Amino acid sequence: MQFTAQQRWYEMTYSQAGHQIIEQGGASIGRLLVLRQPDVVILVDISLLAEFRGKGIGGGLIRDLIQDCDRIKIPLRLQVRVNNPALRLYERLGFRKTGQDQMYTQMERPASTTGYSGGL
């Protein structure tokens, strides 16, 4: 039920977001939802099956998105649950906290004029 509710919320709130299936070796292992607007890109959701987490796949996809944003000189935004371990990854990639409520931390990575500068 929680997954279905989340899907409906994404469809209503981010109806213009691009939906991509993440594949490895011909198998679907996750999904990526990205909303591209003229002045900002929003990483709506990135999720991988449990057995594919912690292997650099998600980080690589986010670094690709960062490079795209740097190239067109617009920021990349996202929100993450306050207790999600991915928060540390986002900080290492150069995202900074811009807000927080009881459930989510909002983050932004400004576009770099000199190219990708996040570390890992």
Protein backbone atom coordinates (compact mmCIF):
# COMPACT_ATOMS: atom_id res chain seq x y z
CA MET A 1 0.00 0.00 0.00
CA GLN A 2 2.82 2.41 0.83
CA PHE A 3 4.46 1.80 -2.56
CA THR A 4 1.15 2.41 -4.37
CA ALA A 5 0.55 5.62 -2.43
CA GLN A 6 4.06 6.84 -3.26
CA GLN A 7 3.54 6.04 -6.94
CA ARG A 8 0.29 7.98 -7.05
CA TRP A 9 1.88 10.96 -5.30
CA TYR A 10 4.78 10.97 -7.80
CA GLU A 11 2.36 10.76 -10.72
CA MET A 12 0.30 13.69 -9.42
CA THR A 13 3.17 15.89 -8.24
CA TYR A 14 5.78 15.08 -10.88
CA SER A 15 3.68 14.13 -13.89
CA GLN A 16 6.29 15.59 -16.27
CA ALA A 17 9.19 13.61 -14.75
CA GLY A 18 11.10 11.20 -16.94
CA HIS A 19 10.90 7.60 -15.76
CA GLN A 20 13.82 5.29 -16.49
CA ILE A 21 14.35 1.65 -15.62
CA ILE A 22 17.87 0.87 -14.43
CA GLU A 23 19.16 -2.34 -15.97
CA GLN A 24 22.23 -4.48 -15.48
CA GLY A 25 22.94 -7.54 -17.56
CA GLY A 26 19.51 -7.27 -19.15
CA ALA A 27 17.70 -7.41 -15.79
CA SER A 28 15.72 -4.54 -14.27
CA ILE A 29 17.39 -3.56 -11.00
CA GLY A 30 15.84 -0.19 -10.19
CA ARG A 31 14.32 3.04 -11.38
CA LEU A 32 15.20 6.68 -11.80
CA LEU A 33 12.70 9.57 -11.90
CA VAL A 34 14.02 12.98 -12.96
CA LEU A 35 12.10 16.19 -13.54
CA ARG A 36 13.94 18.56 -15.88
CA GLN A 37 12.81 22.17 -15.76
CA PRO A 38 14.37 25.23 -17.43
CA ASP A 39 16.05 26.45 -14.23
CA VAL A 40 16.52 23.28 -12.14
CA VAL A 41 16.69 19.50 -12.36
CA ILE A 42 14.96 17.53 -9.61
CA LEU A 43 15.99 14.01 -8.75
CA VAL A 44 12.53 12.80 -7.73
CA ASP A 45 13.52 9.22 -6.93
CA ILE A 46 16.30 6.75 -7.40
CA SER A 47 15.85 3.23 -6.10
CA LEU A 48 17.73 -0.01 -6.56
CA LEU A 49 16.88 -3.54 -5.54
CA ALA A 50 18.56 -4.32 -2.20
CA GLU A 51 21.18 -6.65 -3.67
CA PHE A 52 22.45 -3.88 -5.99
CA ARG A 53 22.81 -1.15 -3.36
CA GLY A 54 26.22 -0.11 -2.08
CA LYS A 55 27.98 -1.10 -5.30
CA GLY A 56 28.40 2.38 -6.80
CA ILE A 57 25.55 2.06 -9.30
CA GLY A 58 23.36 4.78 -7.81
CA GLY A 59 26.33 7.06 -7.19
CA GLY A 60 27.40 6.67 -10.82
CA LEU A 61 23.94 7.58 -12.08
CA ILE A 62 23.83 10.63 -9.82
CA ARG A 63 27.31 11.71 -10.96
CA ASP A 64 26.06 11.50 -14.57
CA LEU A 65 23.11 13.71 -13.63
CA ILE A 66 25.48 16.17 -11.91
CA GLN A 67 27.59 16.37 -15.07
CA ASP A 68 24.47 17.07 -17.14
CA CYS A 69 23.47 19.87 -14.73
CA ASP A 70 26.97 21.34 -14.72
CA ARG A 71 27.02 21.32 -18.51
CA ILE A 72 23.77 23.32 -18.74
CA LYS A 73 24.63 25.35 -15.61
CA ILE A 74 21.58 24.65 -13.46
CA PRO A 75 21.30 23.18 -9.95
CA LEU A 76 20.26 19.65 -9.06
CA ARG A 77 17.79 19.25 -6.19
CA LEU A 78 16.44 16.32 -4.25
CA GLN A 79 14.87 15.37 -0.98
CA VAL A 80 15.79 12.39 1.14
CA ARG A 81 14.28 10.86 4.26
CA VAL A 82 16.11 12.17 7.32
CA ASN A 83 17.20 8.66 8.36
CA ASN A 84 18.23 7.44 4.89
CA PRO A 85 21.90 6.34 4.71
CA ALA A 86 22.05 7.85 1.19
CA LEU A 87 22.21 11.27 2.84
CA ARG A 88 25.95 10.75 3.35
CA LEU A 89 26.39 9.90 -0.35
CA TYR A 90 24.59 13.08 -1.37
CA GLU A 91 26.81 15.15 0.92
CA ARG A 92 29.94 13.56 -0.58
CA LEU A 93 28.63 14.41 -4.04
CA GLY A 94 28.42 18.09 -3.12
CA PHE A 95 24.77 18.46 -2.12
CA ARG A 96 24.03 20.89 0.69
CA LYS A 97 21.02 20.94 3.00
CA THR A 98 18.53 23.65 2.08
CA GLY A 99 15.66 22.68 4.38
CA GLN A 100 14.21 19.95 6.56
CA ASP A 101 10.91 18.83 8.00
CA GLN A 102 10.09 15.87 10.22
CA MET A 103 10.45 13.36 7.40
CA TYR A 104 12.68 14.82 4.70
CA THR A 105 15.86 16.80 4.18
CA GLN A 106 15.84 19.00 1.08
CA MET A 107 19.19 19.30 -0.67
CA GLU A 108 20.70 21.13 -3.62
CA ARG A 109 23.92 20.90 -5.55
CA PRO A 110 24.62 24.16 -7.37
CA ALA A 111 25.92 23.88 -10.90
CA SER A 112 29.69 24.01 -11.09
CA THR A 113 31.26 26.23 -13.69
CA THR A 114 34.45 24.17 -13.60
CA GLY A 115 32.93 20.69 -13.90
CA TYR A 116 32.16 17.96 -11.40
CA SER A 117 33.92 18.50 -8.08
CA GLY A 118 32.19 16.04 -5.74
CA GLY A 119 34.26 13.29 -4.21
CA LEU A 120 33.89 9.62 -3.39
